[in-house]
Protein backbone atom coordinates (compact mmCIF):
# COMPACT_ATOMS: atom_id res chain seq x y z
CA MET A 1 -34.44 17.64 -5.13
CA LYS A 2 -32.46 14.91 -3.43
CA ARG A 3 -32.92 12.63 -6.47
CA ARG A 4 -31.50 15.33 -8.78
CA SER A 5 -28.47 15.69 -6.48
CA ILE A 6 -27.80 11.94 -6.59
CA LEU A 7 -28.15 11.92 -10.39
CA ALA A 8 -25.78 14.85 -10.74
CA ALA A 9 -23.22 13.15 -8.51
CA THR A 10 -23.48 9.98 -10.62
CA LEU A 11 -23.09 11.77 -13.95
CA ALA A 12 -20.32 14.14 -12.87
CA PRO A 13 -17.45 11.61 -13.17
CA LEU A 14 -18.66 10.57 -16.64
CA ALA A 15 -18.86 14.18 -17.76
CA ALA A 16 -15.40 14.87 -16.39
CA ARG A 17 -13.95 11.90 -18.31
CA ALA A 18 -15.63 13.03 -21.52
CA GLN A 19 -14.13 16.53 -21.20
CA ALA A 20 -10.64 15.46 -20.08
CA PRO A 21 -7.81 15.53 -22.63
CA TRP A 22 -7.34 12.14 -24.30
CA PRO A 23 -4.99 10.46 -24.82
CA THR A 24 -2.17 11.59 -22.57
CA ARG A 25 -0.50 8.23 -21.89
CA THR A 26 0.02 4.73 -23.27
CA ILE A 27 -2.98 2.86 -24.68
CA THR A 28 -3.01 -0.92 -24.32
CA MET A 29 -4.32 -2.99 -27.26
CA VAL A 30 -5.12 -6.48 -25.95
CA ALA A 31 -4.84 -9.31 -28.50
CA PRO A 32 -6.63 -12.28 -26.93
CA LEU A 33 -4.87 -14.81 -29.17
CA ALA A 34 -1.23 -15.71 -29.72
CA ALA A 35 1.49 -13.72 -31.45
CA GLY A 36 1.46 -14.51 -35.16
CA SER A 37 -2.30 -15.12 -35.29
CA SER A 38 -4.65 -13.07 -37.49
CA VAL A 39 -5.89 -11.29 -34.37
CA ASP A 40 -2.33 -10.34 -33.45
CA ILE A 41 -1.60 -9.01 -36.95
CA ILE A 42 -4.65 -6.76 -36.89
CA ALA A 43 -3.95 -5.59 -33.34
CA ARG A 44 -0.44 -4.47 -34.29
CA THR A 45 -1.62 -2.84 -37.50
CA VAL A 46 -4.26 -0.76 -35.73
CA ALA A 47 -1.92 -0.01 -32.80
CA ASP A 48 0.70 1.43 -35.16
CA GLY A 49 -1.91 3.58 -36.90
CA TRP A 50 -3.32 4.89 -33.63
CA SER A 51 0.11 5.64 -32.21
CA SER A 52 1.06 7.82 -35.17
CA ARG A 53 -2.24 9.69 -35.01
CA PHE A 54 -2.64 10.09 -31.27
CA GLY A 55 1.01 10.80 -30.48
CA VAL A 56 1.21 8.31 -27.62
CA PRO A 57 2.46 4.71 -27.50
CA VAL A 58 -0.13 2.06 -28.30
CA VAL A 59 1.26 -1.26 -27.13
CA THR A 60 -0.04 -4.70 -28.08
CA GLU A 61 -0.32 -7.30 -25.33
CA ASN A 62 -0.92 -10.94 -26.27
CA ARG A 63 -2.99 -12.86 -23.70
CA PRO A 64 -3.92 -16.13 -25.43
CA ALA A 65 -5.06 -18.32 -22.52
CA ALA A 66 -8.48 -20.04 -22.57
CA ASN A 67 -9.42 -18.79 -26.04
CA GLY A 68 -9.04 -15.20 -24.87
CA THR A 69 -11.70 -15.46 -22.18
CA LEU A 70 -9.37 -14.43 -19.35
CA ALA A 71 -8.02 -11.48 -21.34
CA LEU A 72 -11.49 -10.27 -22.23
CA GLY A 73 -12.56 -10.63 -18.63
CA GLN A 74 -9.69 -8.35 -17.62
CA VAL A 75 -10.62 -5.83 -20.32
CA ALA A 76 -14.25 -5.86 -19.18
CA ARG A 77 -13.13 -4.86 -15.68
CA ALA A 78 -10.81 -2.07 -16.85
CA ALA A 79 -11.60 1.59 -16.34
CA PRO A 80 -13.78 3.05 -19.14
CA ASP A 81 -11.25 5.79 -19.84
CA GLY A 82 -10.07 4.92 -23.36
CA TYR A 83 -6.74 3.40 -22.34
CA THR A 84 -7.72 -0.26 -22.76
CA VAL A 85 -9.00 -1.73 -26.02
CA THR A 86 -9.22 -5.25 -27.37
CA ILE A 87 -9.69 -7.22 -30.54
CA THR A 88 -13.08 -8.91 -30.88
CA GLY A 89 -14.80 -11.13 -33.42
CA GLN A 90 -17.12 -14.10 -33.67
CA THR A 91 -14.94 -16.05 -31.25
CA SER A 92 -15.29 -13.66 -28.33
CA ILE A 93 -18.81 -12.41 -29.05
CA ALA A 94 -20.58 -15.55 -30.26
CA PHE A 95 -18.48 -18.72 -29.84
CA ASN A 96 -17.27 -18.40 -26.26
CA PRO A 97 -20.75 -17.97 -24.72
CA VAL A 98 -21.63 -21.43 -26.10
CA LEU A 99 -18.28 -23.09 -25.49
CA TYR A 100 -17.77 -21.95 -21.91
CA ARG A 101 -20.36 -22.60 -19.24
CA SER A 102 -19.02 -19.67 -17.24
CA LEU A 103 -17.50 -16.55 -18.79
CA PRO A 104 -15.73 -13.72 -16.93
CA TYR A 105 -17.43 -11.21 -19.23
CA ASP A 106 -20.77 -10.51 -20.88
CA PRO A 107 -20.19 -10.23 -24.66
CA LEU A 108 -23.04 -7.77 -25.23
CA ARG A 109 -22.94 -5.74 -22.02
CA ASP A 110 -19.27 -5.30 -21.11
CA PHE A 111 -17.81 -3.87 -24.33
CA GLN A 112 -18.29 -0.81 -26.48
CA PRO A 113 -17.71 -1.85 -30.10
CA ILE A 114 -15.66 0.51 -32.26
CA THR A 115 -15.77 -1.17 -35.67
CA ARG A 116 -14.71 -4.25 -37.61
CA VAL A 117 -11.81 -3.93 -40.02
CA VAL A 118 -11.20 -7.14 -41.98
CA ALA A 119 -12.78 -10.46 -42.84
CA VAL A 120 -10.91 -13.71 -43.16
CA SER A 121 -11.79 -17.21 -44.32
CA ASN A 122 -10.13 -20.47 -43.41
CA ALA A 123 -8.35 -22.98 -45.58
CA LEU A 124 -8.54 -26.74 -45.03
CA ILE A 125 -4.88 -27.76 -44.96
CA VAL A 126 -2.84 -30.96 -44.91
CA LYS A 127 0.90 -31.53 -44.93
CA ARG A 128 2.94 -31.83 -48.11
CA GLY A 129 2.65 -35.38 -49.42
CA SER A 130 -0.49 -36.17 -47.44
CA PRO A 131 -2.59 -39.08 -48.75
CA PHE A 132 -5.60 -36.77 -48.51
CA ARG A 133 -5.99 -35.13 -51.91
CA GLY A 134 -9.43 -33.68 -51.36
CA VAL A 135 -12.21 -33.21 -48.84
CA ALA A 136 -13.81 -36.50 -49.90
CA ASP A 137 -10.67 -38.37 -48.84
CA ILE A 138 -10.86 -36.94 -45.32
CA ILE A 139 -14.55 -37.77 -45.06
CA ALA A 140 -13.99 -41.33 -46.24
CA ALA A 141 -11.14 -41.86 -43.77
CA GLY A 142 -13.15 -40.33 -40.94
CA ARG A 143 -16.10 -42.63 -41.59
CA ALA A 144 -13.86 -45.70 -41.93
CA ARG A 145 -11.91 -44.95 -38.75
CA PRO A 146 -14.26 -43.09 -36.37
CA GLY A 147 -12.38 -40.86 -33.95
CA LEU A 148 -8.92 -41.78 -35.22
CA LEU A 149 -8.41 -38.80 -37.52
CA THR A 150 -6.96 -35.79 -35.70
CA TYR A 151 -7.15 -32.08 -36.36
CA SER A 152 -5.37 -29.16 -34.71
CA SER A 153 -6.49 -25.67 -33.76
CA GLY A 154 -5.12 -22.61 -32.02
CA GLY A 155 -7.35 -23.38 -29.04
CA VAL A 156 -10.80 -24.55 -28.00
CA GLY A 157 -13.50 -22.40 -29.58
CA THR A 158 -11.36 -20.74 -32.23
CA THR A 159 -12.65 -20.53 -35.79
CA HIS A 160 -10.11 -23.28 -36.55
CA HIS A 161 -11.81 -25.59 -34.05
CA VAL A 162 -15.33 -24.68 -35.13
CA SER A 163 -14.53 -25.13 -38.84
CA SER A 164 -13.32 -28.71 -38.30
CA ALA A 165 -16.18 -29.56 -35.94
CA MET A 166 -18.66 -28.28 -38.53
CA LEU A 167 -17.07 -30.46 -41.23
CA ALA A 168 -17.27 -33.57 -39.05
CA GLN A 169 -20.85 -32.86 -38.02
CA MET A 170 -22.10 -31.98 -41.52
CA ALA A 171 -20.29 -34.88 -43.23
CA GLY A 172 -21.18 -37.46 -40.59
CA PHE A 173 -17.87 -38.63 -39.17
CA GLU A 174 -15.90 -38.37 -35.93
CA ALA A 175 -12.44 -36.83 -35.51
CA THR A 176 -10.33 -35.93 -32.49
CA HIS A 177 -9.59 -32.30 -31.71
CA VAL A 178 -6.01 -31.46 -30.62
CA PRO A 179 -5.93 -27.84 -29.41
CA TYR A 180 -2.64 -25.94 -29.26
CA ARG A 181 -1.70 -22.71 -27.54
CA GLY A 182 -1.97 -20.62 -30.68
CA ALA A 183 -2.28 -20.78 -34.44
CA PRO A 184 1.46 -21.06 -35.17
CA GLN A 185 1.79 -24.20 -33.04
CA GLY A 186 -1.35 -25.72 -34.55
CA ILE A 187 -0.12 -25.04 -38.08
CA LEU A 188 3.25 -26.59 -37.28
CA ALA A 189 1.43 -29.72 -36.09
CA VAL A 190 -0.05 -30.09 -39.58
CA GLN A 191 3.33 -29.50 -41.25
CA THR A 192 5.04 -32.17 -39.17
CA GLY A 193 2.23 -34.70 -39.42
CA GLU A 194 1.32 -34.62 -35.72
CA VAL A 195 -2.28 -34.21 -36.87
CA ASP A 196 -4.05 -35.22 -40.07
CA PHE A 197 -5.69 -31.95 -41.09
CA ALA A 198 -6.80 -28.54 -39.86
CA PHE A 199 -8.53 -25.32 -40.81
CA PHE A 200 -6.61 -22.08 -40.30
CA ASN A 201 -7.03 -18.48 -41.40
CA ILE A 202 -5.83 -18.02 -44.97
CA SER A 203 -3.83 -15.03 -43.77
CA THR A 204 -1.69 -17.25 -41.51
CA VAL A 205 -1.10 -20.14 -43.94
CA LEU A 206 -1.02 -18.47 -47.36
CA ALA A 207 2.78 -18.23 -47.55
CA LEU A 208 3.16 -21.91 -46.57
CA ILE A 209 0.61 -22.96 -49.18
CA ARG A 210 2.33 -20.93 -51.88
CA SER A 211 5.71 -22.41 -50.94
CA GLY A 212 4.34 -25.96 -51.06
CA GLU A 213 4.87 -26.66 -47.36
CA LEU A 214 1.12 -27.15 -46.98
CA ALA A 215 -1.61 -28.19 -49.40
CA ALA A 216 -5.00 -26.46 -49.38
CA LEU A 217 -7.94 -28.77 -50.09
CA ALA A 218 -10.77 -26.24 -49.75
CA VAL A 219 -11.68 -22.79 -48.43
CA THR A 220 -14.56 -21.97 -46.11
CA SER A 221 -15.89 -18.85 -47.84
CA ARG A 222 -19.07 -18.84 -49.93
CA GLU A 223 -17.10 -17.94 -53.06
CA ARG A 224 -13.60 -19.00 -54.01
CA SER A 225 -10.87 -16.98 -52.37
CA PRO A 226 -9.02 -14.51 -54.61
CA PHE A 227 -5.87 -15.59 -52.78
CA LEU A 228 -6.38 -19.26 -53.68
CA PRO A 229 -8.52 -19.15 -56.82
CA GLU A 230 -7.71 -22.73 -57.82
CA VAL A 231 -8.94 -24.14 -54.48
CA PRO A 232 -12.63 -25.15 -54.28
CA THR A 233 -15.03 -23.95 -51.63
CA MET A 234 -16.32 -26.44 -49.09
CA GLN A 235 -19.67 -26.36 -50.88
CA GLU A 236 -17.98 -27.16 -54.20
CA ALA A 237 -16.14 -29.97 -52.42
CA GLY A 238 -19.43 -31.63 -51.51
CA ILE A 239 -20.60 -30.03 -48.22
CA PRO A 240 -23.80 -28.09 -49.05
CA GLY A 241 -24.43 -25.07 -46.86
CA TYR A 242 -20.94 -24.98 -45.39
CA GLU A 243 -19.63 -21.44 -44.90
CA MET A 244 -17.27 -19.89 -42.38
CA SER A 245 -16.11 -16.35 -43.06
CA THR A 246 -15.25 -14.40 -39.95
CA TRP A 247 -14.48 -10.81 -39.13
CA ILE A 248 -12.02 -9.13 -36.79
CA GLY A 249 -12.98 -5.95 -34.99
CA ILE A 250 -12.02 -3.62 -32.16
CA SER A 251 -13.85 -2.86 -28.94
CA THR A 252 -13.17 -0.91 -25.79
CA VAL A 253 -14.67 -0.97 -22.31
CA ALA A 254 -18.40 -0.30 -21.95
CA ARG A 255 -19.30 3.22 -20.83
CA THR A 256 -16.20 4.75 -22.41
CA PRO A 257 -17.18 8.34 -23.30
CA ALA A 258 -18.63 8.69 -26.79
CA PRO A 259 -16.13 11.38 -27.93
CA ILE A 260 -13.24 8.98 -27.20
CA VAL A 261 -14.97 6.12 -29.02
CA GLN A 262 -15.51 8.40 -32.02
CA ARG A 263 -11.83 9.35 -32.09
CA MET A 264 -10.88 5.67 -31.99
CA TYR A 265 -13.23 4.99 -34.89
CA ASP A 266 -11.91 7.91 -36.93
CA ALA A 267 -8.29 6.84 -36.36
CA THR A 268 -9.12 3.27 -37.37
CA ARG A 269 -10.80 4.42 -40.59
CA ALA A 270 -7.78 6.57 -41.41
CA THR A 271 -5.40 3.70 -40.72
CA MET A 272 -7.35 1.26 -42.87
CA ALA A 273 -7.51 3.79 -45.71
CA GLU A 274 -3.71 3.87 -46.05
CA GLU A 275 -2.63 2.23 -49.29
CA GLU A 276 0.40 0.63 -47.63
CA VAL A 277 -1.77 -0.95 -44.94
CA ARG A 278 -4.35 -2.16 -47.45
CA ALA A 279 -1.71 -3.66 -49.73
CA ARG A 280 0.04 -5.42 -46.84
CA LEU A 281 -3.15 -6.94 -45.42
CA THR A 282 -4.53 -8.09 -48.75
CA GLY A 283 -1.09 -9.45 -49.63
CA ILE A 284 -1.26 -11.90 -46.73
CA GLY A 285 -4.85 -13.01 -47.21
CA PHE A 286 -7.20 -10.59 -45.42
CA ASP A 287 -10.39 -9.37 -47.09
CA LEU A 288 -10.94 -5.63 -46.67
CA ILE A 289 -14.50 -4.68 -45.72
CA PRO A 290 -16.50 -1.50 -45.02
CA LEU A 291 -16.04 -0.17 -41.49
CA PRO A 292 -19.40 0.06 -39.64
CA THR A 293 -19.90 2.81 -37.10
CA PRO A 294 -19.85 2.04 -33.36
CA GLU A 295 -23.64 2.24 -33.33
CA GLU A 296 -23.92 -0.22 -36.21
CA MET A 297 -21.46 -2.56 -34.50
CA VAL A 298 -23.71 -2.86 -31.45
CA ALA A 299 -26.39 -4.38 -33.70
CA ILE A 300 -23.82 -6.57 -35.47
CA HIS A 301 -22.57 -7.98 -32.16
CA ARG A 302 -26.10 -8.94 -31.15
CA ALA A 303 -26.88 -10.51 -34.53
CA GLU A 304 -23.65 -12.53 -34.49
CA PHE A 305 -24.29 -13.66 -30.92
CA GLU A 306 -27.65 -15.08 -31.93
CA ARG A 307 -26.64 -16.50 -35.32
CA TRP A 308 -23.46 -18.33 -34.33
CA GLY A 309 -24.87 -19.53 -31.04
CA ALA A 310 -27.51 -21.41 -33.01
CA ILE A 311 -24.95 -22.78 -35.51
CA LEU A 312 -22.64 -24.10 -32.78
CA ARG A 313 -25.48 -25.77 -30.92
CA ARG A 314 -26.65 -27.47 -34.12
CA ALA A 315 -23.07 -28.66 -34.74
CA GLY A 316 -23.06 -30.27 -31.30
CA ILE A 317 -20.07 -28.27 -30.07
CA GLN A 318 -20.22 -28.56 -26.30
CA GLY A 319 -19.20 -26.20 -23.53
CA VAL A 320 -16.20 -26.74 -21.29
């Protein structure tokens, strides 16, 4: 009898949250990378769609420090009431557990996935007029001058960082990583010649490539990108088995009531079905993908955690 009373007392707050009206106030959408990044673009797109459907403000907060680990730690400790959500992907779920010896969150335990909304590949870029005309040129220079070539990223552990580290490891040369505080700064470093090369999301460099400010030497997807059909894949450029296509998704705090999670999922599907949204995202280099259910995303998070953890360890990418 006493055990039933304790159980009832434990479940009562959860039941009350599930039955309470939601939402009645501002929802915070945390983007754990810098303004202007692919993560930021998706956060603002989803936030606008939710706001129009839920009738409350949905504000985007950029918290780019330490590859988003601090932001995700704060989200993990937030109340599971549906008023705090975040953008997730391979970086937060699979890369950070390898790259950071101590994380302020558990990627599989602390979040309730909602869905994933887009995929994005990276482009290997150099500045206009660079002596590097192809991937083979970078490899040759890296082997001839070990450690002297430099590459930028939007931070330690980003897909930009991992893409370059994979190239160096798979092609057998050394290069020096120069992390910046966000993708825009890292891209500018390539434009100005502060670094020799970099990989960045196609969605953030497509306009600069089309204008001639940057040159794309390869893309990281398995097949050629429809946005850059004349640019070879890394495998076509001579790196067998090289592939880096990532996804961007949405999660909320673990133990958020299922009816709220379902409403978030439904609103996201409706947002991503809008023709204007689809045209805008594909126009800047995002690949539209099917939206898995929250239940399916739990399995996807676990699979990505295991898959990319193994890839990063093989690539020799060390923790900090």
